[in-house]
Amino acid sequence: MSSSDWFRFPYEGPDGMRLDHYLRERYRPFSRSAWSRRVQAGQVLVNGRTVPPARRMRTGDTLSIDPAAAGPPPDTGGVEILYEDEWLVAVNKAAGILVHPVRLMTRDTVVGQLSERWPGIIPCHRLDKLTSGLVLLAKDLDTRRAMQTAFEDGTVDKEYLALVEGEPEESSGVVDLPLGRDLASAVRIRMTVRADGDRSVTRWDVVERLGTHTLLRVCPETGRKHQIRAHLAWLGHPIHGDFLYGREVDVDYFENRAVNLARDTERWLALHARALSTAHPRVPGRQLKLEAPLPPRFEELLREMRGRKLEEGRLRQ
């Protein structure tokens, strides 16, 4: 394999840190000694040159890693790769998996799994643990910065599917209400509509009416924390399975940090990040149009509700 196929990314640690120590801390699951062997074998370069494992790193250094050094592709259970190019990776995340590594949960996250194959990979945006769907990640900091600018400028179109409780009277609508932390809630991360909150805009339209529930297409124009969940709950139509913004709140779940952060594919929201489109951040003139299929259990839930609605219609005849 040519060195042009190697992973390249900037050094992001403190000045003076040993190379093998940095690799161990930043790119798991290998031990320091395992990384040291890879450096000695010439599978890790600094500024395009072979260096010893004890080499002291500096701001501005560039790391290059032979893909073979990452070993076999990781077990990406719950993370389906949808798209990849030189700069970006898009995945379909299962509900119940964190995107970003945190202190109590590193490897069993989207980034933790993918970094074994693409060291240095960085998410371009957030997606709640209990939400499924499309997540876009960058392979380098420059690409991530470009994507973050696109998100901030509102040039990224996002589309979600949400199964909500009840039936909205209108066929479409816009919620343009500021969101901020819900100081009255026992759950510290809960958001609510408040006058001093951040501007938040969510567009929605009805896809299918299912009797007790409604399938909505939702397009957030801003990217606030829990925006879709909080806005739909404010409308009186919380998302099916939402035990933070629904009729009953599971305070214990959200206040127990170890439980809240752990992988949990049993609990899920009927909220799916279905599509994303934007100009490619590194290729002028190229448009990215990405889609993530619904999870099987979301499809099954819709089938059950359609069948129930059909049966109820027959009984009324």
C-alpha atoms as a PDB file:
ATOM      1  CA  MET A   1       0.000   0.000   0.000  1.00  0.00           C
ATOM      2  CA  SER A   2       1.293   3.452  -0.905  1.00  0.00           C
ATOM      3  CA  SER A   3       1.985   5.950   1.878  1.00  0.00           C
ATOM      4  CA  SER A   4      -0.545   8.214   0.133  1.00  0.00           C
ATOM      5  CA  ASP A   5      -3.244   5.869   1.460  1.00  0.00           C
ATOM      6  CA  TRP A   6      -2.146   6.376   5.067  1.00  0.00           C
ATOM      7  CA  PHE A   7      -4.297   8.212   7.624  1.00  0.00           C
ATOM      8  CA  ARG A   8      -3.033  11.752   8.244  1.00  0.00           C
ATOM      9  CA  PHE A   9      -4.074  14.137  10.990  1.00  0.00           C
ATOM     10  CA  PRO A  10      -2.558  16.888  13.174  1.00  0.00           C
ATOM     11  CA  TYR A  11      -1.105  16.301  16.609  1.00  0.00           C
ATOM     12  CA  GLU A  12      -3.575  17.588  19.221  1.00  0.00           C
ATOM     13  CA  GLY A  13      -1.787  16.889  22.499  1.00  0.00           C
ATOM     14  CA  PRO A  14       0.374  19.076  24.755  1.00  0.00           C
ATOM     15  CA  ASP A  15       3.885  20.050  23.719  1.00  0.00           C
ATOM     16  CA  GLY A  16       6.509  17.606  24.966  1.00  0.00           C
ATOM     17  CA  MET A  17       4.331  14.500  25.208  1.00  0.00           C
ATOM     18  CA  ARG A  18       5.930  11.239  24.076  1.00  0.00           C
ATOM     19  CA  LEU A  19       4.586   9.892  20.799  1.00  0.00           C
ATOM     20  CA  ASP A  20       3.788   6.405  22.148  1.00  0.00           C
ATOM     21  CA  HIS A  21       2.030   7.874  25.199  1.00  0.00           C
ATOM     22  CA  TYR A  22      -0.072  10.123  22.997  1.00  0.00           C
ATOM     23  CA  LEU A  23      -1.061   7.274  20.700  1.00  0.00           C
ATOM     24  CA  ARG A  24      -2.104   5.181  23.695  1.00  0.00           C
ATOM     25  CA  GLU A  25      -4.215   7.954  25.191  1.00  0.00           C
ATOM     26  CA  ARG A  26      -5.786   9.202  21.983  1.00  0.00           C
ATOM     27  CA  TYR A  27      -6.225   6.109  19.832  1.00  0.00           C
ATOM     28  CA  ARG A  28      -7.264   3.031  21.716  1.00  0.00           C
ATOM     29  CA  PRO A  29      -7.595   0.006  22.044  1.00  0.00           C
ATOM     30  CA  PHE A  30      -3.847  -0.753  21.692  1.00  0.00           C
ATOM     31  CA  SER A  31      -1.451  -0.526  24.643  1.00  0.00           C
ATOM     32  CA  ARG A  32       1.527   1.824  24.740  1.00  0.00           C
ATOM     33  CA  SER A  33       3.906  -1.048  24.011  1.00  0.00           C
ATOM     34  CA  ALA A  34       1.774  -2.123  21.032  1.00  0.00           C
ATOM     35  CA  TRP A  35       1.916   1.392  19.619  1.00  0.00           C
ATOM     36  CA  SER A  36       5.661   1.512  20.342  1.00  0.00           C
ATOM     37  CA  ARG A  37       6.170  -1.606  18.207  1.00  0.00           C
ATOM     38  CA  ARG A  38       4.203  -0.026  15.379  1.00  0.00           C
ATOM     39  CA  VAL A  39       6.293   3.142  15.552  1.00  0.00           C
ATOM     40  CA  GLN A  40       9.509   1.105  15.488  1.00  0.00           C
ATOM     41  CA  ALA A  41       8.187  -0.856  12.505  1.00  0.00           C
ATOM     42  CA  GLY A  42       7.733   2.379  10.559  1.00  0.00           C
ATOM     43  CA  GLN A  43       3.913   2.181  10.598  1.00  0.00           C
ATOM     44  CA  VAL A  44       3.641   5.581  12.294  1.00  0.00           C
ATOM     45  CA  LEU A  45       5.406   8.651  10.891  1.00  0.00           C
ATOM     46  CA  VAL A  46       5.778  12.181  12.217  1.00  0.00           C
ATOM     47  CA  ASN A  47       5.997  14.882   9.563  1.00  0.00           C
ATOM     48  CA  GLY A  48       6.557  12.114   7.009  1.00  0.00           C
ATOM     49  CA  ARG A  49       9.595  10.636   8.773  1.00  0.00           C
ATOM     50  CA  THR A  50      10.283   7.635  10.984  1.00  0.00           C
ATOM     51  CA  VAL A  51      10.900   8.586  14.608  1.00  0.00           C
ATOM     52  CA  PRO A  52      11.495   6.731  17.902  1.00  0.00           C
ATOM     53  CA  PRO A  53       8.522   5.978  20.196  1.00  0.00           C
ATOM     54  CA  ALA A  54       9.919   8.444  22.748  1.00  0.00           C
ATOM     55  CA  ARG A  55       9.891  11.320  20.276  1.00  0.00           C
ATOM     56  CA  ARG A  56       8.587  14.481  21.994  1.00  0.00           C
ATOM     57  CA  MET A  57       5.647  15.935  20.087  1.00  0.00           C
ATOM     58  CA  ARG A  58       5.004  19.591  19.309  1.00  0.00           C
ATOM     59  CA  THR A  59       2.095  21.683  18.091  1.00  0.00           C
ATOM     60  CA  GLY A  60       2.145  21.648  14.302  1.00  0.00           C
ATOM     61  CA  ASP A  61       3.382  18.063  13.983  1.00  0.00           C
ATOM     62  CA  THR A  62       1.511  15.812  11.568  1.00  0.00           C
ATOM     63  CA  LEU A  63       0.956  12.116  12.234  1.00  0.00           C
ATOM     64  CA  SER A  64       0.672   9.484   9.493  1.00  0.00           C
ATOM     65  CA  ILE A  65      -0.514   5.979  10.328  1.00  0.00           C
ATOM     66  CA  ASP A  66      -0.447   2.931   8.082  1.00  0.00           C
ATOM     67  CA  PRO A  67      -4.022   1.520   7.949  1.00  0.00           C
ATOM     68  CA  ALA A  68      -2.522  -1.912   8.626  1.00  0.00           C
ATOM     69  CA  ALA A  69      -1.405  -0.627  12.023  1.00  0.00           C
ATOM     70  CA  ALA A  70      -5.032  -0.397  13.097  1.00  0.00           C
ATOM     71  CA  GLY A  71      -5.442  -4.130  12.599  1.00  0.00           C
ATOM     72  CA  PRO A  72      -8.623  -5.728  11.229  1.00  0.00           C
ATOM     73  CA  PRO A  73     -11.761  -3.637  10.822  1.00  0.00           C
ATOM     74  CA  PRO A  74     -13.464  -3.173  14.202  1.00  0.00           C
ATOM     75  CA  ASP A  75     -16.713  -4.730  15.336  1.00  0.00           C
ATOM     76  CA  THR A  76     -19.045  -1.899  14.461  1.00  0.00           C
ATOM     77  CA  GLY A  77     -22.170  -3.464  15.895  1.00  0.00           C
ATOM     78  CA  GLY A  78     -24.886  -0.820  15.786  1.00  0.00           C
ATOM     79  CA  VAL A  79     -22.823   1.414  13.470  1.00  0.00           C
ATOM     80  CA  GLU A  80     -23.411   0.851   9.750  1.00  0.00           C
ATOM     81  CA  ILE A  81     -21.036   2.637   7.386  1.00  0.00           C
ATOM     82  CA  LEU A  82     -23.038   4.440   4.693  1.00  0.00           C
ATOM     83  CA  TYR A  83     -20.427   6.565   2.933  1.00  0.00           C
ATOM     84  CA  GLU A  84     -16.695   7.202   2.962  1.00  0.00           C
ATOM     85  CA  ASP A  85     -14.271   9.359   1.012  1.00  0.00           C
ATOM     86  CA  GLU A  86     -10.859  10.876   1.680  1.00  0.00           C
ATOM     87  CA  TRP A  87     -12.245  13.364   4.193  1.00  0.00           C
ATOM     88  CA  LEU A  88     -15.573  12.108   5.534  1.00  0.00           C
ATOM     89  CA  VAL A  89     -17.349   9.039   6.911  1.00  0.00           C
ATOM     90  CA  ALA A  90     -21.138   8.785   7.308  1.00  0.00           C
ATOM     91  CA  VAL A  91     -22.735   6.100   9.452  1.00  0.00           C
ATOM     92  CA  ASN A  92     -26.187   4.906  10.451  1.00  0.00           C
ATOM     93  CA  LYS A  93     -26.117   4.760  14.257  1.00  0.00           C
ATOM     94  CA  ALA A  94     -28.384   2.457  16.217  1.00  0.00           C
ATOM     95  CA  ALA A  95     -30.326   3.926  19.132  1.00  0.00           C
ATOM     96  CA  GLY A  96     -28.688   3.357  22.496  1.00  0.00           C
ATOM     97  CA  ILE A  97     -25.104   4.163  21.438  1.00  0.00           C
ATOM     98  CA  LEU A  98     -23.257   7.373  22.301  1.00  0.00           C
ATOM     99  CA  VAL A  99     -21.548   9.279  19.492  1.00  0.00           C
ATOM    100  CA  HIS A 100     -18.779  10.950  21.509  1.00  0.00           C
ATOM    101  CA  PRO A 101     -16.442   9.141  23.902  1.00  0.00           C
ATOM    102  CA  VAL A 102     -16.713  10.182  27.546  1.00  0.00           C
ATOM    103  CA  ARG A 103     -14.739   9.250  30.628  1.00  0.00           C
ATOM    104  CA  LEU A 104     -16.936   6.281  31.542  1.00  0.00           C
ATOM    105  CA  MET A 105     -17.495   5.152  27.967  1.00  0.00           C
ATOM    106  CA  THR A 106     -14.781   5.292  25.308  1.00  0.00           C
ATOM    107  CA  ARG A 107     -14.548   2.299  23.002  1.00  0.00           C
ATOM    108  CA  ASP A 108     -18.239   1.365  22.897  1.00  0.00           C
ATOM    109  CA  THR A 109     -19.250   4.602  21.137  1.00  0.00           C
ATOM    110  CA  VAL A 110     -19.441   5.570  17.480  1.00  0.00           C
ATOM    111  CA  VAL A 111     -16.091   7.360  17.639  1.00  0.00           C
ATOM    112  CA  GLY A 112     -14.536   4.629  19.752  1.00  0.00           C
ATOM    113  CA  GLN A 113     -15.464   1.937  17.255  1.00  0.00           C
ATOM    114  CA  LEU A 114     -14.516   3.866  14.140  1.00  0.00           C
ATOM    115  CA  SER A 115     -11.223   5.223  15.473  1.00  0.00           C
ATOM    116  CA  GLU A 116      -9.778   1.720  15.348  1.00  0.00           C
ATOM    117  CA  ARG A 117     -10.126   1.924  11.580  1.00  0.00           C
ATOM    118  CA  TRP A 118      -9.758   5.693  11.099  1.00  0.00           C
ATOM    119  CA  PRO A 119      -7.576   7.136  13.872  1.00  0.00           C
ATOM    120  CA  GLY A 120      -8.384  10.748  14.620  1.00  0.00           C
ATOM    121  CA  ILE A 121     -11.972  10.619  13.351  1.00  0.00           C
ATOM    122  CA  ILE A 122     -14.152  13.431  14.759  1.00  0.00           C
ATOM    123  CA  PRO A 123     -17.966  13.908  14.747  1.00  0.00           C
ATOM    124  CA  CYS A 124     -19.221  16.943  12.834  1.00  0.00           C
ATOM    125  CA  HIS A 125     -22.449  17.216  14.846  1.00  0.00           C
ATOM    126  CA  ARG A 126     -24.444  15.673  17.704  1.00  0.00           C
ATOM    127  CA  LEU A 127     -27.046  12.933  17.790  1.00  0.00           C
ATOM    128  CA  ASP A 128     -28.707  11.900  21.040  1.00  0.00           C
ATOM    129  CA  LYS A 129     -27.855   8.482  22.416  1.00  0.00           C
ATOM    130  CA  LEU A 130     -31.437   7.205  22.131  1.00  0.00           C
ATOM    131  CA  THR A 131     -31.908   8.572  18.601  1.00  0.00           C
ATOM    132  CA  SER A 132     -30.954   6.469  15.590  1.00  0.00           C
ATOM    133  CA  GLY A 133     -29.759   7.577  12.195  1.00  0.00           C
ATOM    134  CA  LEU A 134     -27.196   9.444  10.193  1.00  0.00           C
ATOM    135  CA  VAL A 135     -24.005  10.782  11.760  1.00  0.00           C
ATOM    136  CA  LEU A 136     -21.338  12.555   9.705  1.00  0.00           C
ATOM    137  CA  LEU A 137     -17.713  12.387  10.882  1.00  0.00           C
ATOM    138  CA  ALA A 138     -14.536  14.035   9.626  1.00  0.00           C
ATOM    139  CA  LYS A 139     -11.133  12.402   9.243  1.00  0.00           C
ATOM    140  CA  ASP A 140      -9.213  15.616   9.974  1.00  0.00           C
ATOM    141  CA  LEU A 141      -9.648  18.916  11.800  1.00  0.00           C
ATOM    142  CA  ASP A 142      -9.819  21.106   8.686  1.00  0.00           C
ATOM    143  CA  THR A 143     -12.761  19.101   7.337  1.00  0.00           C
ATOM    144  CA  ARG A 144     -14.491  19.220  10.692  1.00  0.00           C
ATOM    145  CA  ARG A 145     -14.055  22.987  10.914  1.00  0.00           C
ATOM    146  CA  ALA A 146     -15.513  23.396   7.423  1.00  0.00           C
ATOM    147  CA  MET A 147     -18.505  21.231   8.326  1.00  0.00           C
ATOM    148  CA  GLN A 148     -19.060  23.066  11.603  1.00  0.00           C
ATOM    149  CA  THR A 149     -19.128  26.348   9.681  1.00  0.00           C
ATOM    150  CA  ALA A 150     -21.698  24.861   7.294  1.00  0.00           C
ATOM    151  CA  PHE A 151     -23.893  23.783  10.220  1.00  0.00           C
ATOM    152  CA  GLU A 152     -23.587  27.202  11.864  1.00  0.00           C
ATOM    153  CA  ASP A 153     -24.394  28.972   8.587  1.00  0.00           C
ATOM    154  CA  GLY A 154     -27.487  26.830   8.065  1.00  0.00           C
ATOM    155  CA  THR A 155     -26.308  25.345   4.766  1.00  0.00           C
ATOM    156  CA  VAL A 156     -26.777  21.742   5.924  1.00  0.00           C
ATOM    157  CA  ASP A 157     -30.275  20.343   5.369  1.00  0.00           C
ATOM    158  CA  LYS A 158     -31.290  17.673   7.889  1.00  0.00           C
ATOM    159  CA  GLU A 159     -34.398  15.527   7.849  1.00  0.00           C
ATOM    160  CA  TYR A 160     -35.749  13.323  10.638  1.00  0.00           C
ATOM    161  CA  LEU A 161     -38.675  10.940  10.938  1.00  0.00           C
ATOM    162  CA  ALA A 162     -40.513  11.109  14.249  1.00  0.00           C
ATOM    163  CA  LEU A 163     -43.405   8.975  15.453  1.00  0.00           C
ATOM    164  CA  VAL A 164     -45.351  11.139  17.896  1.00  0.00           C
ATOM    165  CA  GLU A 165     -48.263  10.566  20.230  1.00  0.00           C
ATOM    166  CA  GLY A 166     -51.650  11.841  19.105  1.00  0.00           C
ATOM    167  CA  GLU A 167     -52.694  13.565  15.879  1.00  0.00           C
ATOM    168  CA  PRO A 168     -51.785  17.187  15.095  1.00  0.00           C
ATOM    169  CA  GLU A 169     -54.752  19.161  13.759  1.00  0.00           C
ATOM    170  CA  GLU A 170     -52.658  20.785  11.030  1.00  0.00           C
ATOM    171  CA  SER A 171     -50.810  18.957   8.263  1.00  0.00           C
ATOM    172  CA  SER A 172     -47.648  21.012   8.735  1.00  0.00           C
ATOM    173  CA  GLY A 173     -46.201  23.719  10.904  1.00  0.00           C
ATOM    174  CA  VAL A 174     -43.208  25.619  12.231  1.00  0.00           C
ATOM    175  CA  VAL A 175     -42.143  25.902  15.861  1.00  0.00           C
ATOM    176  CA  ASP A 176     -40.080  29.075  16.296  1.00  0.00           C
ATOM    177  CA  LEU A 177     -39.536  29.218  20.052  1.00  0.00           C
ATOM    178  CA  PRO A 178     -36.334  29.700  22.092  1.00  0.00           C
ATOM    179  CA  LEU A 179     -35.030  26.818  24.162  1.00  0.00           C
ATOM    180  CA  GLY A 180     -33.070  26.781  27.395  1.00  0.00           C
ATOM    181  CA  ARG A 181     -32.480  24.536  30.375  1.00  0.00           C
ATOM    182  CA  ASP A 182     -35.625  23.558  32.292  1.00  0.00           C
ATOM    183  CA  LEU A 183     -34.771  24.823  35.776  1.00  0.00           C
ATOM    184  CA  ALA A 184     -37.985  23.345  37.186  1.00  0.00           C
ATOM    185  CA  SER A 185     -37.132  19.805  36.077  1.00  0.00           C
ATOM    186  CA  ALA A 186     -35.519  17.215  38.334  1.00  0.00           C
ATOM    187  CA  VAL A 187     -33.467  16.140  35.282  1.00  0.00           C
ATOM    188  CA  ARG A 188     -30.654  18.620  34.719  1.00  0.00           C
ATOM    189  CA  ILE A 189     -30.325  18.026  30.972  1.00  0.00           C
ATOM    190  CA  ARG A 190     -33.982  18.684  30.169  1.00  0.00           C
ATOM    191  CA  MET A 191     -34.687  21.660  27.920  1.00  0.00           C
ATOM    192  CA  THR A 192     -37.820  23.771  27.670  1.00  0.00           C
ATOM    193  CA  VAL A 193     -39.279  26.787  25.896  1.00  0.00           C
ATOM    194  CA  ARG A 194     -38.174  29.967  27.691  1.00  0.00           C
ATOM    195  CA  ALA A 195     -37.988  33.610  26.690  1.00  0.00           C
ATOM    196  CA  ASP A 196     -34.278  33.927  27.469  1.00  0.00           C
ATOM    197  CA  GLY A 197     -33.347  30.748  25.591  1.00  0.00           C
ATOM    198  CA  ASP A 198     -31.501  30.309  22.312  1.00  0.00           C
ATOM    199  CA  ARG A 199     -33.394  30.806  19.054  1.00  0.00           C
ATOM    200  CA  SER A 200     -34.691  27.427  17.870  1.00  0.00           C
ATOM    201  CA  VAL A 201     -36.691  26.687  14.724  1.00  0.00           C
ATOM    202  CA  THR A 202     -38.235  23.341  13.765  1.00  0.00           C
ATOM    203  CA  ARG A 203     -40.344  22.663  10.660  1.00  0.00           C
ATOM    204  CA  TRP A 204     -42.592  19.609  10.490  1.00  0.00           C
ATOM    205  CA  ASP A 205     -45.200  18.011   8.264  1.00  0.00           C
ATOM    206  CA  VAL A 206     -47.391  14.950   8.515  1.00  0.00           C
ATOM    207  CA  VAL A 207     -46.256  11.871   6.613  1.00  0.00           C
ATOM    208  CA  GLU A 208     -48.855   9.406   7.861  1.00  0.00           C
ATOM    209  CA  ARG A 209     -51.699   9.428  10.399  1.00  0.00           C
ATOM    210  CA  LEU A 210     -51.875   6.184  12.370  1.00  0.00           C
ATOM    211  CA  GLY A 211     -54.772   6.725  14.752  1.00  0.00           C
ATOM    212  CA  THR A 212     -53.192   7.082  18.182  1.00  0.00           C
ATOM    213  CA  HIS A 213     -49.884   8.211  16.661  1.00  0.00           C
ATOM    214  CA  THR A 214     -48.614  10.257  13.706  1.00  0.00           C
ATOM    215  CA  LEU A 215     -45.481   9.903  11.625  1.00  0.00           C
ATOM    216  CA  LEU A 216     -43.867  13.301  11.013  1.00  0.00           C
ATOM    217  CA  ARG A 217     -41.079  14.555   8.777  1.00  0.00           C
ATOM    218  CA  VAL A 218     -39.088  17.025  10.853  1.00  0.00           C
ATOM    219  CA  CYS A 219     -36.484  19.497   9.596  1.00  0.00           C
ATOM    220  CA  PRO A 220     -34.628  21.490  12.260  1.00  0.00           C
ATOM    221  CA  GLU A 221     -33.300  24.825  11.019  1.00  0.00           C
ATOM    222  CA  THR A 222     -31.185  25.289  14.143  1.00  0.00           C
ATOM    223  CA  GLY A 223     -29.264  22.685  16.107  1.00  0.00           C
ATOM    224  CA  ARG A 224     -30.092  23.135  19.788  1.00  0.00           C
ATOM    225  CA  LYS A 225     -29.810  20.389  22.362  1.00  0.00           C
ATOM    226  CA  HIS A 226     -32.910  18.141  22.323  1.00  0.00           C
ATOM    227  CA  GLN A 227     -34.548  20.649  19.964  1.00  0.00           C
ATOM    228  CA  ILE A 228     -36.881  18.279  18.125  1.00  0.00           C
ATOM    229  CA  ARG A 229     -37.880  16.437  21.290  1.00  0.00           C
ATOM    230  CA  ALA A 230     -38.578  19.616  23.252  1.00  0.00           C
ATOM    231  CA  HIS A 231     -40.465  21.366  20.443  1.00  0.00           C
ATOM    232  CA  LEU A 232     -42.704  18.391  19.640  1.00  0.00           C
ATOM    233  CA  ALA A 233     -43.453  17.917  23.337  1.00  0.00           C
ATOM    234  CA  TRP A 234     -44.377  21.620  23.534  1.00  0.00           C
ATOM    235  CA  LEU A 235     -46.854  21.015  20.688  1.00  0.00           C
ATOM    236  CA  GLY A 236     -48.472  18.351  22.858  1.00  0.00           C
ATOM    237  CA  HIS A 237     -47.147  15.492  20.721  1.00  0.00           C
ATOM    238  CA  PRO A 238     -44.114  13.939  22.441  1.00  0.00           C
ATOM    239  CA  ILE A 239     -42.097  11.343  20.566  1.00  0.00           C
ATOM    240  CA  HIS A 240     -43.061   7.726  21.165  1.00  0.00           C
ATOM    241  CA  GLY A 241     -40.732   6.193  23.747  1.00  0.00           C
ATOM    242  CA  ASP A 242     -39.408   9.531  25.047  1.00  0.00           C
ATOM    243  CA  PHE A 243     -39.112   9.163  28.825  1.00  0.00           C
ATOM    244  CA  LEU A 244     -37.597  12.634  29.227  1.00  0.00           C
ATOM    245  CA  TYR A 245     -40.129  14.750  27.311  1.00  0.00           C
ATOM    246  CA  GLY A 246     -43.066  12.330  27.343  1.00  0.00           C
ATOM    247  CA  ARG A 247     -45.956  11.921  29.767  1.00  0.00           C
ATOM    248  CA  GLU A 248     -43.739  10.278  32.391  1.00  0.00           C
ATOM    249  CA  VAL A 249     -40.109  11.162  33.128  1.00  0.00           C
ATOM    250  CA  ASP A 250     -37.640   8.495  34.281  1.00  0.00           C
ATOM    251  CA  VAL A 251     -35.576  10.691  36.597  1.00  0.00           C
ATOM    252  CA  ASP A 252     -33.480   7.812  37.937  1.00  0.00           C
ATOM    253  CA  TYR A 253     -32.250   6.875  34.448  1.00  0.00           C
ATOM    254  CA  PHE A 254     -30.955  10.334  33.631  1.00  0.00           C
ATOM    255  CA  GLU A 255     -29.498  11.090  37.061  1.00  0.00           C
ATOM    256  CA  ASN A 256     -27.560   7.800  37.210  1.00  0.00           C
ATOM    257  CA  ARG A 257     -24.566   8.778  35.086  1.00  0.00           C
ATOM    258  CA  ALA A 258     -23.195   5.242  34.738  1.00  0.00           C
ATOM    259  CA  VAL A 259     -26.548   3.945  33.458  1.00  0.00           C
ATOM    260  CA  ASN A 260     -27.183   6.992  31.288  1.00  0.00           C
ATOM    261  CA  LEU A 261     -23.829   6.685  29.507  1.00  0.00           C
ATOM    262  CA  ALA A 262     -23.742   2.904  29.104  1.00  0.00           C
ATOM    263  CA  ARG A 263     -24.676   1.256  25.829  1.00  0.00           C
ATOM    264  CA  ASP A 264     -28.387   0.444  25.964  1.00  0.00           C
ATOM    265  CA  THR A 265     -29.975  -0.778  22.756  1.00  0.00           C
ATOM    266  CA  GLU A 266     -33.176  -1.829  24.511  1.00  0.00           C
ATOM    267  CA  ARG A 267     -34.429   1.697  25.094  1.00  0.00           C
ATOM    268  CA  TRP A 268     -34.972   3.853  22.037  1.00  0.00           C
ATOM    269  CA  LEU A 269     -36.852   6.846  20.716  1.00  0.00           C
ATOM    270  CA  ALA A 270     -39.013   6.686  17.623  1.00  0.00           C
ATOM    271  CA  LEU A 271     -36.829   9.463  16.206  1.00  0.00           C
ATOM    272  CA  HIS A 272     -34.520   8.772  13.286  1.00  0.00           C
ATOM    273  CA  ALA A 273     -32.050  11.064  11.511  1.00  0.00           C
ATOM    274  CA  ARG A 274     -33.021  10.067   8.005  1.00  0.00           C
ATOM    275  CA  ALA A 275     -31.165  12.352   5.609  1.00  0.00           C
ATOM    276  CA  LEU A 276     -28.533  15.052   5.299  1.00  0.00           C
ATOM    277  CA  SER A 277     -27.508  17.131   2.309  1.00  0.00           C
ATOM    278  CA  THR A 278     -24.828  19.788   1.961  1.00  0.00           C
ATOM    279  CA  ALA A 279     -22.040  21.003  -0.277  1.00  0.00           C
ATOM    280  CA  HIS A 280     -18.940  18.868   0.143  1.00  0.00           C
ATOM    281  CA  PRO A 281     -16.573  20.778   2.453  1.00  0.00           C
ATOM    282  CA  ARG A 282     -13.426  19.865   0.503  1.00  0.00           C
ATOM    283  CA  VAL A 283     -14.572  19.315  -3.093  1.00  0.00           C
ATOM    284  CA  PRO A 284     -15.990  22.419  -4.836  1.00  0.00           C
ATOM    285  CA  GLY A 285     -19.107  21.692  -6.835  1.00  0.00           C
ATOM    286  CA  ARG A 286     -19.824  18.306  -5.217  1.00  0.00           C
ATOM    287  CA  GLN A 287     -23.123  17.932  -3.359  1.00  0.00           C
ATOM    288  CA  LEU A 288     -23.458  15.338  -0.610  1.00  0.00           C
ATOM    289  CA  LYS A 289     -26.869  13.674  -0.341  1.00  0.00           C
ATOM    290  CA  LEU A 290     -26.873  10.999   2.329  1.00  0.00           C
ATOM    291  CA  GLU A 291     -29.699   8.790   3.610  1.00  0.00           C
ATOM    292  CA  ALA A 292     -29.971   6.302   6.465  1.00  0.00           C
ATOM    293  CA  PRO A 293     -32.666   3.592   6.313  1.00  0.00           C
ATOM    294  CA  LEU A 294     -35.046   3.170   9.235  1.00  0.00           C
ATOM    295  CA  PRO A 295     -34.079   0.584  11.878  1.00  0.00           C
ATOM    296  CA  PRO A 296     -36.003  -2.708  11.598  1.00  0.00           C
ATOM    297  CA  ARG A 297     -37.816  -2.201  14.912  1.00  0.00           C
ATOM    298  CA  PHE A 298     -38.997   1.260  13.813  1.00  0.00           C
ATOM    299  CA  GLU A 299     -40.328  -0.301  10.598  1.00  0.00           C
ATOM    300  CA  GLU A 300     -41.985  -3.073  12.629  1.00  0.00           C
ATOM    301  CA  LEU A 301     -43.645  -0.559  14.952  1.00  0.00           C
ATOM    302  CA  LEU A 302     -45.068   1.298  11.951  1.00  0.00           C
ATOM    303  CA  ARG A 303     -46.392  -1.961  10.483  1.00  0.00           C
ATOM    304  CA  GLU A 304     -48.081  -2.815  13.782  1.00  0.00           C
ATOM    305  CA  MET A 305     -49.741   0.594  13.998  1.00  0.00           C
ATOM    306  CA  ARG A 306     -50.897   0.427  10.384  1.00  0.00           C
ATOM    307  CA  GLY A 307     -52.409  -2.987  11.026  1.00  0.00           C
ATOM    308  CA  ARG A 308     -54.117  -1.782  14.196  1.00  0.00           C
ATOM    309  CA  LYS A 309     -55.572   1.233  12.394  1.00  0.00           C
ATOM    310  CA  LEU A 310     -56.844  -0.976   9.571  1.00  0.00           C
ATOM    311  CA  GLU A 311     -58.459  -3.390  12.019  1.00  0.00           C
ATOM    312  CA  GLU A 312     -60.135  -0.565  13.920  1.00  0.00           C
ATOM    313  CA  GLY A 313     -61.513   0.772  10.655  1.00  0.00           C
ATOM    314  CA  ARG A 314     -63.009  -2.617   9.828  1.00  0.00           C
ATOM    315  CA  LEU A 315     -64.655  -2.850  13.249  1.00  0.00           C
ATOM    316  CA  ARG A 316     -66.311   0.541  12.791  1.00  0.00           C
ATOM    317  CA  GLN A 317     -67.906  -0.531   9.485  1.00  0.00           C
END
